[in-house]
Amino acid sequence: MFVSQFYTYALLMAFPACLVLAGFSDLMTMTISNRLCAAIALLFPLAALQFGLPLSAFAGHMGVGFAVFVLGFALFSLNLIGGGDAKLLAASALWIGPADILAFSVLVALFGAALALALLSARSVFAPVTGFAATDRLLAKETGVPYGIAIAGAGFVVYSNGPMLAAALTWL
């Protein structure tokens, strides 16, 4: 019984935990690990199976994940977003699903805009000479925006109100 409950709780917390790691990694290094994005994507089917997501809903989640992957690849090809951001968006879309993908997209855009404005403001006031590599990288004018933070924030908000968490909580 304990192992089953542990497995259930681990799957329940897998997506939020991976989002924390992705956001922190992007903040500190401006990179998001391929392994982390793969873990998010590979854990989704296990969670869907464990929490009894119907096959039609599972197919919808997979379709949204694929569509976001294609869109992310196109945006990456146009040099509009980073590769890690594209992969994190696609993997997160699996967990978000078709019902909440619009809310997720809007929140990613809003959180990303707020983050970009905050960084632009900070870069106009502070010089990148703090002595901390991550801080100096963020303050450098030629550095981009660690969009993984916005993706993680939007993922938290939408997942906390979404069908996967609801299915998990009814299963428990």
N, C-alpha and C. Protein backbone atom coordinates (compact mmCIF):
# COMPACT_ATOMS: atom_id res chain seq x y z
N MET A 1 0.83 -1.21 0.00
CA MET A 1 0.00 0.00 0.00
C MET A 1 0.86 1.26 0.00
N PHE A 2 1.92 1.27 0.83
CA PHE A 2 2.78 2.45 0.93
C PHE A 2 3.44 2.76 -0.40
N VAL A 3 3.93 1.71 -1.08
CA VAL A 3 4.61 1.91 -2.36
C VAL A 3 3.64 2.51 -3.38
N SER A 4 2.41 2.01 -3.40
CA SER A 4 1.41 2.52 -4.32
C SER A 4 1.09 4.00 -4.04
N GLN A 5 0.94 4.34 -2.77
CA GLN A 5 0.68 5.74 -2.42
C GLN A 5 1.87 6.62 -2.76
N PHE A 6 3.07 6.15 -2.50
CA PHE A 6 4.27 6.92 -2.82
C PHE A 6 4.34 7.18 -4.32
N TYR A 7 4.09 6.13 -5.11
CA TYR A 7 4.10 6.25 -6.57
C TYR A 7 3.07 7.29 -7.03
N THR A 8 1.89 7.23 -6.45
CA THR A 8 0.83 8.17 -6.82
C THR A 8 1.22 9.60 -6.48
N TYR A 9 1.72 9.82 -5.28
CA TYR A 9 2.12 11.17 -4.90
C TYR A 9 3.32 11.65 -5.72
N ALA A 10 4.23 10.75 -6.04
CA ALA A 10 5.39 11.13 -6.85
C ALA A 10 4.93 11.59 -8.23
N LEU A 11 3.99 10.86 -8.83
CA LEU A 11 3.47 11.27 -10.13
C LEU A 11 2.69 12.58 -10.04
N LEU A 12 1.99 12.75 -8.95
CA LEU A 12 1.22 13.98 -8.74
C LEU A 12 2.14 15.20 -8.69
N MET A 13 3.31 15.03 -8.09
CA MET A 13 4.23 16.15 -7.92
C MET A 13 5.30 16.23 -9.00
N ALA A 14 5.34 15.26 -9.92
CA ALA A 14 6.40 15.21 -10.93
C ALA A 14 6.43 16.47 -11.80
N PHE A 15 5.28 16.83 -12.34
CA PHE A 15 5.24 18.00 -13.23
C PHE A 15 5.62 19.28 -12.50
N PRO A 16 5.03 19.59 -11.35
CA PRO A 16 5.45 20.82 -10.66
C PRO A 16 6.92 20.82 -10.27
N ALA A 17 7.44 19.67 -9.85
CA ALA A 17 8.85 19.59 -9.47
C ALA A 17 9.75 19.85 -10.67
N CYS A 18 9.40 19.28 -11.81
CA CYS A 18 10.18 19.51 -13.02
C CYS A 18 10.10 20.96 -13.47
N LEU A 19 8.95 21.59 -13.28
CA LEU A 19 8.82 23.00 -13.62
C LEU A 19 9.74 23.87 -12.77
N VAL A 20 9.82 23.55 -11.48
CA VAL A 20 10.72 24.29 -10.59
C VAL A 20 12.15 24.16 -11.08
N LEU A 21 12.55 22.93 -11.39
CA LEU A 21 13.92 22.71 -11.87
C LEU A 21 14.18 23.44 -13.19
N ALA A 22 13.22 23.40 -14.10
CA ALA A 22 13.39 24.07 -15.40
C ALA A 22 13.51 25.58 -15.23
N GLY A 23 12.63 26.17 -14.42
CA GLY A 23 12.68 27.61 -14.20
C GLY A 23 13.98 28.04 -13.54
N PHE A 24 14.40 27.28 -12.53
CA PHE A 24 15.63 27.61 -11.82
C PHE A 24 16.84 27.46 -12.74
N SER A 25 16.86 26.39 -13.52
CA SER A 25 17.96 26.16 -14.45
C SER A 25 18.05 27.29 -15.47
N ASP A 26 16.91 27.69 -16.01
CA ASP A 26 16.91 28.77 -17.00
C ASP A 26 17.36 30.08 -16.37
N LEU A 27 16.96 30.33 -15.15
CA LEU A 27 17.38 31.55 -14.45
C LEU A 27 18.89 31.56 -14.24
N MET A 28 19.44 30.44 -13.82
CA MET A 28 20.85 30.40 -13.46
C MET A 28 21.79 30.24 -14.66
N THR A 29 21.34 29.50 -15.69
CA THR A 29 22.26 29.17 -16.77
C THR A 29 21.76 29.55 -18.16
N MET A 30 20.52 29.99 -18.27
CA MET A 30 19.89 30.28 -19.56
C MET A 30 19.79 29.03 -20.43
N THR A 31 19.71 27.87 -19.79
CA THR A 31 19.50 26.61 -20.51
C THR A 31 18.49 25.76 -19.75
N ILE A 32 17.78 24.93 -20.51
CA ILE A 32 16.85 23.96 -19.93
C ILE A 32 17.28 22.60 -20.46
N SER A 33 17.54 21.70 -19.57
CA SER A 33 18.08 20.39 -19.91
C SER A 33 17.12 19.59 -20.80
N ASN A 34 17.70 18.92 -21.81
CA ASN A 34 16.91 18.00 -22.63
C ASN A 34 16.34 16.87 -21.79
N ARG A 35 17.12 16.40 -20.84
CA ARG A 35 16.67 15.31 -19.97
C ARG A 35 15.47 15.72 -19.14
N LEU A 36 15.46 16.95 -18.70
CA LEU A 36 14.34 17.44 -17.90
C LEU A 36 13.07 17.52 -18.76
N CYS A 37 13.18 18.04 -19.96
CA CYS A 37 12.02 18.09 -20.86
C CYS A 37 11.55 16.68 -21.22
N ALA A 38 12.50 15.77 -21.43
CA ALA A 38 12.14 14.38 -21.73
C ALA A 38 11.44 13.75 -20.53
N ALA A 39 11.92 14.04 -19.33
CA ALA A 39 11.28 13.49 -18.13
C ALA A 39 9.83 13.97 -18.01
N ILE A 40 9.60 15.24 -18.26
CA ILE A 40 8.23 15.78 -18.21
C ILE A 40 7.34 15.05 -19.21
N ALA A 41 7.85 14.89 -20.43
CA ALA A 41 7.07 14.23 -21.48
C ALA A 41 6.85 12.75 -21.17
N LEU A 42 7.86 12.06 -20.68
CA LEU A 42 7.74 10.63 -20.43
C LEU A 42 6.93 10.30 -19.18
N LEU A 43 6.89 11.22 -18.25
CA LEU A 43 6.09 10.98 -17.03
C LEU A 43 4.60 11.19 -17.27
N PHE A 44 4.26 11.96 -18.29
CA PHE A 44 2.84 12.21 -18.54
C PHE A 44 2.03 10.94 -18.79
N PRO A 45 2.45 10.04 -19.70
CA PRO A 45 1.64 8.83 -19.90
C PRO A 45 1.50 7.98 -18.64
N LEU A 46 2.55 7.94 -17.83
CA LEU A 46 2.46 7.19 -16.57
C LEU A 46 1.41 7.80 -15.65
N ALA A 47 1.42 9.12 -15.56
CA ALA A 47 0.44 9.80 -14.71
C ALA A 47 -0.96 9.64 -15.27
N ALA A 48 -1.11 9.77 -16.57
CA ALA A 48 -2.43 9.61 -17.19
C ALA A 48 -2.99 8.22 -16.93
N LEU A 49 -2.14 7.21 -17.04
CA LEU A 49 -2.56 5.84 -16.77
C LEU A 49 -2.91 5.65 -15.30
N GLN A 50 -2.06 6.16 -14.43
CA GLN A 50 -2.27 6.01 -12.99
C GLN A 50 -3.56 6.69 -12.52
N PHE A 51 -3.87 7.85 -13.09
CA PHE A 51 -5.02 8.61 -12.61
C PHE A 51 -6.28 8.37 -13.43
N GLY A 52 -6.22 7.42 -14.35
CA GLY A 52 -7.41 7.02 -15.08
C GLY A 52 -7.91 8.03 -16.10
N LEU A 53 -7.01 8.75 -16.74
CA LEU A 53 -7.42 9.69 -17.78
C LEU A 53 -8.01 8.88 -18.93
N PRO A 54 -9.23 9.19 -19.37
CA PRO A 54 -9.83 8.43 -20.48
C PRO A 54 -8.98 8.50 -21.74
N LEU A 55 -9.09 7.50 -22.58
CA LEU A 55 -8.28 7.42 -23.79
C LEU A 55 -8.51 8.62 -24.70
N SER A 56 -9.76 9.08 -24.80
CA SER A 56 -10.03 10.25 -25.65
C SER A 56 -9.34 11.50 -25.11
N ALA A 57 -9.34 11.66 -23.80
CA ALA A 57 -8.66 12.80 -23.19
C ALA A 57 -7.14 12.67 -23.36
N PHE A 58 -6.63 11.45 -23.22
CA PHE A 58 -5.20 11.21 -23.42
C PHE A 58 -4.81 11.59 -24.84
N ALA A 59 -5.61 11.20 -25.81
CA ALA A 59 -5.34 11.54 -27.22
C ALA A 59 -5.35 13.05 -27.42
N GLY A 60 -6.26 13.75 -26.76
CA GLY A 60 -6.30 15.21 -26.85
C GLY A 60 -5.04 15.84 -26.29
N HIS A 61 -4.58 15.34 -25.16
CA HIS A 61 -3.35 15.85 -24.55
C HIS A 61 -2.16 15.62 -25.48
N MET A 62 -2.10 14.42 -26.06
CA MET A 62 -1.00 14.10 -26.97
C MET A 62 -1.05 14.99 -28.22
N GLY A 63 -2.25 15.23 -28.73
CA GLY A 63 -2.39 16.10 -29.90
C GLY A 63 -1.94 17.52 -29.62
N VAL A 64 -2.32 18.04 -28.47
CA VAL A 64 -1.89 19.39 -28.09
C VAL A 64 -0.38 19.44 -27.92
N GLY A 65 0.18 18.42 -27.28
CA GLY A 65 1.64 18.37 -27.12
C GLY A 65 2.36 18.38 -28.45
N PHE A 66 1.84 17.60 -29.42
CA PHE A 66 2.45 17.55 -30.75
C PHE A 66 2.31 18.89 -31.46
N ALA A 67 1.13 19.50 -31.39
CA ALA A 67 0.91 20.79 -32.05
C ALA A 67 1.83 21.87 -31.48
N VAL A 68 2.00 21.88 -30.17
CA VAL A 68 2.88 22.87 -29.54
C VAL A 68 4.34 22.58 -29.91
N PHE A 69 4.68 21.30 -30.04
CA PHE A 69 6.03 20.94 -30.47
C PHE A 69 6.31 21.49 -31.87
N VAL A 70 5.37 21.30 -32.78
CA VAL A 70 5.54 21.80 -34.16
C VAL A 70 5.64 23.33 -34.16
N LEU A 71 4.77 23.99 -33.42
CA LEU A 71 4.81 25.46 -33.34
C LEU A 71 6.13 25.92 -32.70
N GLY A 72 6.53 25.27 -31.63
CA GLY A 72 7.79 25.62 -30.98
C GLY A 72 8.99 25.43 -31.88
N PHE A 73 8.98 24.35 -32.65
CA PHE A 73 10.07 24.11 -33.60
C PHE A 73 10.12 25.21 -34.65
N ALA A 74 8.96 25.62 -35.12
CA ALA A 74 8.90 26.71 -36.10
C ALA A 74 9.44 28.01 -35.50
N LEU A 75 9.02 28.34 -34.28
CA LEU A 75 9.50 29.56 -33.62
C LEU A 75 11.00 29.50 -33.36
N PHE A 76 11.49 28.32 -32.99
CA PHE A 76 12.93 28.15 -32.79
C PHE A 76 13.68 28.31 -34.10
N SER A 77 13.14 27.75 -35.18
CA SER A 77 13.77 27.87 -36.50
C SER A 77 13.87 29.32 -36.95
N LEU A 78 12.90 30.12 -36.54
CA LEU A 78 12.91 31.55 -36.87
C LEU A 78 13.72 32.37 -35.86
N ASN A 79 14.35 31.68 -34.92
CA ASN A 79 15.17 32.30 -33.88
C ASN A 79 14.37 33.24 -32.98
N LEU A 80 13.10 32.89 -32.75
CA LEU A 80 12.24 33.71 -31.89
C LEU A 80 12.22 33.21 -30.44
N ILE A 81 12.46 31.91 -30.25
CA ILE A 81 12.56 31.35 -28.90
C ILE A 81 13.72 30.37 -28.87
N GLY A 82 14.17 30.06 -27.67
CA GLY A 82 15.25 29.10 -27.51
C GLY A 82 14.76 27.66 -27.66
N GLY A 83 15.68 26.77 -27.93
CA GLY A 83 15.34 25.37 -28.09
C GLY A 83 14.79 24.76 -26.81
N GLY A 84 15.38 25.10 -25.69
CA GLY A 84 14.89 24.59 -24.40
C GLY A 84 13.48 25.07 -24.11
N ASP A 85 13.21 26.32 -24.44
CA ASP A 85 11.87 26.87 -24.24
C ASP A 85 10.85 26.13 -25.11
N ALA A 86 11.21 25.84 -26.36
CA ALA A 86 10.30 25.13 -27.26
C ALA A 86 10.00 23.74 -26.72
N LYS A 87 11.03 23.05 -26.25
CA LYS A 87 10.82 21.69 -25.72
C LYS A 87 10.03 21.71 -24.41
N LEU A 88 10.31 22.70 -23.56
CA LEU A 88 9.57 22.80 -22.31
C LEU A 88 8.10 23.13 -22.55
N LEU A 89 7.84 23.99 -23.52
CA LEU A 89 6.45 24.30 -23.88
C LEU A 89 5.71 23.05 -24.35
N ALA A 90 6.34 22.28 -25.22
CA ALA A 90 5.70 21.08 -25.76
C ALA A 90 5.46 20.04 -24.67
N ALA A 91 6.46 19.81 -23.83
CA ALA A 91 6.31 18.82 -22.75
C ALA A 91 5.24 19.27 -21.76
N SER A 92 5.21 20.56 -21.46
CA SER A 92 4.20 21.09 -20.54
C SER A 92 2.80 20.99 -21.14
N ALA A 93 2.70 21.19 -22.45
CA ALA A 93 1.39 21.12 -23.11
C ALA A 93 0.77 19.73 -22.96
N LEU A 94 1.60 18.70 -22.85
CA LEU A 94 1.07 17.36 -22.60
C LEU A 94 0.26 17.33 -21.31
N TRP A 95 0.81 17.91 -20.28
CA TRP A 95 0.15 17.92 -18.96
C TRP A 95 -1.03 18.88 -18.93
N ILE A 96 -0.96 19.95 -19.70
CA ILE A 96 -2.00 20.98 -19.69
C ILE A 96 -3.24 20.52 -20.44
N GLY A 97 -3.07 20.00 -21.64
CA GLY A 97 -4.18 19.46 -22.41
C GLY A 97 -4.95 20.51 -23.18
N PRO A 98 -5.90 20.04 -24.01
CA PRO A 98 -6.62 20.95 -24.91
C PRO A 98 -7.55 21.93 -24.19
N ALA A 99 -8.10 21.54 -23.06
CA ALA A 99 -9.06 22.41 -22.38
C ALA A 99 -8.41 23.68 -21.84
N ASP A 100 -7.14 23.58 -21.46
CA ASP A 100 -6.49 24.72 -20.80
C ASP A 100 -5.31 25.30 -21.58
N ILE A 101 -5.12 24.87 -22.83
CA ILE A 101 -3.95 25.34 -23.56
C ILE A 101 -4.02 26.83 -23.87
N LEU A 102 -5.20 27.36 -24.08
CA LEU A 102 -5.32 28.79 -24.35
C LEU A 102 -4.96 29.60 -23.09
N ALA A 103 -5.48 29.19 -21.94
CA ALA A 103 -5.14 29.88 -20.69
C ALA A 103 -3.64 29.79 -20.43
N PHE A 104 -3.06 28.62 -20.67
CA PHE A 104 -1.62 28.44 -20.49
C PHE A 104 -0.84 29.38 -21.41
N SER A 105 -1.24 29.45 -22.67
CA SER A 105 -0.55 30.31 -23.64
C SER A 105 -0.62 31.78 -23.25
N VAL A 106 -1.79 32.22 -22.82
CA VAL A 106 -1.96 33.62 -22.40
C VAL A 106 -1.11 33.91 -21.17
N LEU A 107 -1.10 33.00 -20.22
CA LEU A 107 -0.30 33.22 -19.01
C LEU A 107 1.20 33.21 -19.32
N VAL A 108 1.64 32.32 -20.21
CA VAL A 108 3.05 32.33 -20.60
C VAL A 108 3.41 33.69 -21.20
N ALA A 109 2.55 34.20 -22.06
CA ALA A 109 2.81 35.50 -22.68
C ALA A 109 2.83 36.62 -21.65
N LEU A 110 1.85 36.62 -20.74
CA LEU A 110 1.79 37.68 -19.72
C LEU A 110 2.98 37.61 -18.76
N PHE A 111 3.28 36.40 -18.27
CA PHE A 111 4.41 36.25 -17.35
C PHE A 111 5.72 36.57 -18.06
N GLY A 112 5.82 36.16 -19.33
CA GLY A 112 7.03 36.47 -20.10
C GLY A 112 7.20 37.96 -20.33
N ALA A 113 6.10 38.65 -20.61
CA ALA A 113 6.17 40.10 -20.80
C ALA A 113 6.58 40.80 -19.51
N ALA A 114 6.01 40.37 -18.40
CA ALA A 114 6.38 40.97 -17.11
C ALA A 114 7.85 40.72 -16.80
N LEU A 115 8.31 39.51 -17.07
CA LEU A 115 9.71 39.18 -16.84
C LEU A 115 10.63 40.01 -17.74
N ALA A 116 10.26 40.15 -19.01
CA ALA A 116 11.06 40.93 -19.95
C ALA A 116 11.12 42.40 -19.52
N LEU A 117 9.99 42.96 -19.10
CA LEU A 117 9.98 44.35 -18.64
C LEU A 117 10.84 44.53 -17.39
N ALA A 118 10.74 43.57 -16.47
CA ALA A 118 11.56 43.65 -15.26
C ALA A 118 13.04 43.59 -15.59
N LEU A 119 13.42 42.70 -16.51
CA LEU A 119 14.83 42.61 -16.90
C LEU A 119 15.29 43.87 -17.64
N LEU A 120 14.46 44.40 -18.52
CA LEU A 120 14.83 45.63 -19.22
C LEU A 120 15.03 46.78 -18.24
N SER A 121 14.14 46.86 -17.26
CA SER A 121 14.28 47.91 -16.23
C SER A 121 15.56 47.71 -15.43
N ALA A 122 15.82 46.50 -15.01
CA ALA A 122 17.02 46.23 -14.22
C ALA A 122 18.27 46.50 -15.04
N ARG A 123 18.25 46.13 -16.31
CA ARG A 123 19.42 46.33 -17.17
C ARG A 123 19.69 47.80 -17.44
N SER A 124 18.64 48.63 -17.38
CA SER A 124 18.85 50.06 -17.61
C SER A 124 19.41 50.75 -16.37
N VAL A 125 19.32 50.12 -15.21
CA VAL A 125 19.77 50.73 -13.96
C VAL A 125 21.08 50.13 -13.46
N PHE A 126 21.22 48.81 -13.58
CA PHE A 126 22.37 48.12 -12.99
C PHE A 126 23.35 47.66 -14.06
N ALA A 127 24.62 47.72 -13.71
CA ALA A 127 25.67 47.21 -14.59
C ALA A 127 25.95 45.75 -14.22
N PRO A 128 26.33 44.93 -15.21
CA PRO A 128 26.59 43.52 -14.91
C PRO A 128 27.97 43.30 -14.29
N VAL A 129 28.16 43.87 -13.11
CA VAL A 129 29.45 43.74 -12.42
C VAL A 129 29.24 43.34 -10.96
N THR A 130 28.29 42.47 -10.71
CA THR A 130 27.99 42.08 -9.33
C THR A 130 28.97 41.05 -8.79
N GLY A 131 29.64 40.32 -9.69
CA GLY A 131 30.54 39.26 -9.25
C GLY A 131 29.85 37.90 -9.21
N PHE A 132 28.55 37.86 -9.39
CA PHE A 132 27.81 36.60 -9.45
C PHE A 132 27.51 36.32 -10.92
N ALA A 133 28.00 35.19 -11.41
CA ALA A 133 27.91 34.88 -12.84
C ALA A 133 26.47 34.92 -13.36
N ALA A 134 25.55 34.31 -12.64
CA ALA A 134 24.16 34.25 -13.11
C ALA A 134 23.54 35.65 -13.14
N THR A 135 23.80 36.44 -12.12
CA THR A 135 23.25 37.80 -12.07
C THR A 135 23.85 38.67 -13.17
N ASP A 136 25.15 38.57 -13.34
CA ASP A 136 25.81 39.36 -14.38
C ASP A 136 25.31 38.97 -15.77
N ARG A 137 25.06 37.68 -15.97
CA ARG A 137 24.53 37.22 -17.26
C ARG A 137 23.15 37.82 -17.51
N LEU A 138 22.30 37.83 -16.50
CA LEU A 138 20.96 38.39 -16.65
C LEU A 138 20.98 39.89 -16.88
N LEU A 139 21.94 40.58 -16.29
CA LEU A 139 22.02 42.03 -16.42
C LEU A 139 22.70 42.48 -17.72
N ALA A 140 23.36 41.57 -18.40
CA ALA A 140 24.02 41.93 -19.66
C ALA A 140 22.95 42.21 -20.72
N LYS A 141 23.12 43.32 -21.42
CA LYS A 141 22.11 43.76 -22.39
C LYS A 141 21.93 42.78 -23.56
N GLU A 142 22.96 42.03 -23.89
CA GLU A 142 22.87 41.11 -25.03
C GLU A 142 22.23 39.76 -24.66
N THR A 143 21.98 39.55 -23.39
CA THR A 143 21.38 38.30 -22.94
C THR A 143 19.87 38.34 -23.18
N GLY A 144 19.33 37.20 -23.52
CA GLY A 144 17.89 37.10 -23.74
C GLY A 144 17.12 37.04 -22.42
N VAL A 145 15.92 36.57 -22.51
CA VAL A 145 15.03 36.45 -21.35
C VAL A 145 14.91 34.97 -21.00
N PRO A 146 15.12 34.59 -19.74
CA PRO A 146 14.95 33.19 -19.34
C PRO A 146 13.46 32.82 -19.28
N TYR A 147 12.91 32.54 -20.46
CA TYR A 147 11.47 32.33 -20.60
C TYR A 147 10.98 31.07 -19.88
N GLY A 148 11.91 30.20 -19.50
CA GLY A 148 11.52 29.01 -18.74
C GLY A 148 10.83 29.37 -17.44
N ILE A 149 11.17 30.53 -16.90
CA ILE A 149 10.52 31.00 -15.66
C ILE A 149 9.05 31.30 -15.94
N ALA A 150 8.76 31.96 -17.05
CA ALA A 150 7.37 32.27 -17.41
C ALA A 150 6.59 30.99 -17.72
N ILE A 151 7.22 30.06 -18.41
CA ILE A 151 6.57 28.79 -18.73
C ILE A 151 6.25 28.03 -17.45
N ALA A 152 7.21 28.00 -16.53
CA ALA A 152 7.00 27.31 -15.26
C ALA A 152 5.88 27.95 -14.45
N GLY A 153 5.87 29.27 -14.38
CA GLY A 153 4.81 29.97 -13.64
C GLY A 153 3.44 29.69 -14.22
N ALA A 154 3.33 29.77 -15.52
CA ALA A 154 2.04 29.49 -16.18
C ALA A 154 1.65 28.03 -15.96
N GLY A 155 2.62 27.14 -16.04
CA GLY A 155 2.34 25.72 -15.81
C GLY A 155 1.79 25.46 -14.42
N PHE A 156 2.37 26.13 -13.43
CA PHE A 156 1.88 25.99 -12.05
C PHE A 156 0.43 26.42 -11.94
N VAL A 157 0.13 27.58 -12.46
CA VAL A 157 -1.22 28.14 -12.34
C VAL A 157 -2.24 27.23 -13.02
N VAL A 158 -1.94 26.84 -14.25
CA VAL A 158 -2.91 26.05 -15.02
C VAL A 158 -3.01 24.63 -14.49
N TYR A 159 -1.90 24.02 -14.12
CA TYR A 159 -1.92 22.65 -13.58
C TYR A 159 -2.71 22.59 -12.28
N SER A 160 -2.60 23.62 -11.47
CA SER A 160 -3.30 23.62 -10.18
C SER A 160 -4.81 23.66 -10.34
N ASN A 161 -5.30 24.08 -11.51
CA ASN A 161 -6.74 24.12 -11.78
C ASN A 161 -7.16 23.16 -12.88
N GLY A 162 -6.23 22.32 -13.36
CA GLY A 162 -6.49 21.53 -14.55
C GLY A 162 -7.00 20.13 -14.31
N PRO A 163 -7.27 19.42 -15.39
CA PRO A 163 -7.86 18.08 -15.31
C PRO A 163 -6.93 17.02 -14.75
N MET A 164 -5.62 17.14 -14.98
CA MET A 164 -4.71 16.11 -14.46
C MET A 164 -4.68 16.12 -12.95
N LEU A 165 -4.59 17.29 -12.36
CA LEU A 165 -4.57 17.36 -10.90
C LEU A 165 -5.94 16.94 -10.33
N ALA A 166 -7.00 17.35 -10.98
CA ALA A 166 -8.35 16.95 -10.51
C ALA A 166 -8.50 15.44 -10.57
N ALA A 167 -8.03 14.82 -11.67
CA ALA A 167 -8.11 13.35 -11.78
C ALA A 167 -7.27 12.68 -10.70
N ALA A 168 -6.10 13.24 -10.42
CA ALA A 168 -5.24 12.66 -9.39
C ALA A 168 -5.88 12.76 -8.01
N LEU A 169 -6.47 13.90 -7.73
CA LEU A 169 -7.07 14.09 -6.41
C LEU A 169 -8.31 13.23 -6.21
N THR A 170 -9.08 12.97 -7.26
CA THR A 170 -10.23 12.08 -7.13
C THR A 170 -9.77 10.63 -7.01
N TRP A 171 -8.64 10.32 -7.60
CA TRP A 171 -8.09 8.97 -7.52
C TRP A 171 -7.63 8.66 -6.11
N LEU A 172 -7.08 9.68 -5.44
CA LEU A 172 -6.59 9.48 -4.07
C LEU A 172 -7.77 9.32 -3.15
